[in-house]
Amino acid sequence: MKNLLLVLLIAGILSTSYMLDWPSEIEAAQDAAATYRANKAEQIDRETLEKAIQTLCGENAGWKLLADGSVQCYTHRGFKTKRVTL
């Protein structure tokens, strides 16, 4: 009788062991969702910055973001026109 209870206890533990990973899967899904939201917000910020720079430089102008945070505007032929600080 004692051995039967021990066997049933072990069988019960082993049969439910697949649930032990359950919280980590939820955490992984939450992390993935948080990463997605952060990337989406970063993309929106980048698009807003690019639109503002394009407005400052001109519709057909090219531009380059410089290391000091300023923007060098170019004509559509590649000549430097103005330098803008945001």
Protein backbone atom coordinates (compact mmCIF):
# COMPACT_ATOMS: atom_id res chain seq x y z
CA MET A 1 0.00 0.00 0.00
CA LYS A 2 2.82 2.36 0.89
CA ASN A 3 4.61 1.59 -2.37
CA LEU A 4 1.42 2.13 -4.35
CA LEU A 5 0.97 5.61 -2.85
CA LEU A 6 4.59 6.42 -3.60
CA VAL A 7 4.23 5.26 -7.20
CA LEU A 8 1.01 7.28 -7.63
CA LEU A 9 2.68 10.35 -6.14
CA ILE A 10 5.66 10.04 -8.49
CA ALA A 11 3.36 9.42 -11.46
CA GLY A 12 1.31 12.49 -10.55
CA ILE A 13 4.42 14.66 -10.29
CA LEU A 14 5.82 13.41 -13.59
CA SER A 15 2.51 13.79 -15.39
CA THR A 16 2.27 17.46 -14.40
CA SER A 17 5.92 18.33 -14.95
CA TYR A 18 5.15 19.83 -18.38
CA MET A 19 3.42 22.69 -16.55
CA LEU A 20 6.65 23.73 -14.85
CA ASP A 21 7.68 25.71 -17.94
CA TRP A 22 4.39 27.57 -18.12
CA PRO A 23 5.38 30.79 -16.28
CA SER A 24 8.56 31.19 -18.33
CA GLU A 25 6.54 30.99 -21.55
CA ILE A 26 4.28 33.75 -20.29
CA GLU A 27 7.30 35.86 -19.37
CA ALA A 28 8.79 35.26 -22.81
CA ALA A 29 5.56 36.39 -24.46
CA GLN A 30 5.43 39.49 -22.25
CA ASP A 31 9.06 40.29 -23.06
CA ALA A 32 8.38 39.87 -26.77
CA ALA A 33 5.37 42.19 -26.54
CA ALA A 34 7.38 44.80 -24.61
CA THR A 35 10.19 44.61 -27.17
CA TYR A 36 7.67 45.04 -29.99
CA ARG A 37 6.13 48.09 -28.31
CA ALA A 38 9.56 49.64 -27.71
CA ASN A 39 10.64 49.03 -31.31
CA LYS A 40 7.36 50.45 -32.61
CA ALA A 41 7.76 53.59 -30.48
CA GLU A 42 11.36 53.97 -31.67
CA GLN A 43 10.24 53.61 -35.29
CA ILE A 44 7.56 56.27 -34.83
CA ASP A 45 10.09 58.62 -33.22
CA ARG A 46 12.52 58.03 -36.08
CA GLU A 47 9.83 58.69 -38.71
CA THR A 48 8.83 61.91 -36.92
CA LEU A 49 12.48 63.04 -36.82
CA GLU A 50 12.98 62.25 -40.51
CA LYS A 51 9.82 64.14 -41.45
CA ALA A 52 10.95 67.20 -39.45
CA ILE A 53 14.41 67.12 -41.03
CA GLN A 54 12.95 66.76 -44.51
CA THR A 55 10.72 69.78 -43.84
CA LEU A 56 13.71 71.84 -42.68
CA CYS A 57 15.95 70.85 -45.60
CA GLY A 58 13.32 70.94 -48.32
CA GLU A 59 11.08 68.55 -50.19
CA ASN A 60 13.64 67.29 -52.72
CA ALA A 61 16.72 67.74 -50.55
CA GLY A 62 18.89 65.03 -49.17
CA TRP A 63 20.27 65.15 -45.66
CA LYS A 64 22.77 63.45 -43.39
CA LEU A 65 22.66 63.24 -39.61
CA LEU A 66 26.10 64.21 -38.30
CA ALA A 67 27.85 62.90 -35.18
CA ASP A 68 27.34 66.12 -33.21
CA GLY A 69 23.56 65.89 -33.65
CA SER A 70 23.27 68.48 -36.40
CA VAL A 71 21.96 67.82 -39.89
CA GLN A 72 23.75 68.61 -43.13
CA CYS A 73 21.32 69.37 -45.95
CA TYR A 74 22.21 68.66 -49.59
CA THR A 75 20.64 69.62 -52.89
CA HIS A 76 19.29 66.85 -55.06
CA ARG A 77 22.60 67.07 -56.95
CA GLY A 78 24.71 66.53 -53.84
CA PHE A 79 25.88 70.06 -53.05
CA LYS A 80 25.87 71.15 -49.40
CA THR A 81 23.30 73.83 -48.72
CA LYS A 82 22.82 74.40 -45.01
CA ARG A 83 23.56 72.89 -41.65
CA VAL A 84 20.68 72.64 -39.20
CA THR A 85 20.78 71.93 -35.47
CA LEU A 86 17.73 70.29 -33.98
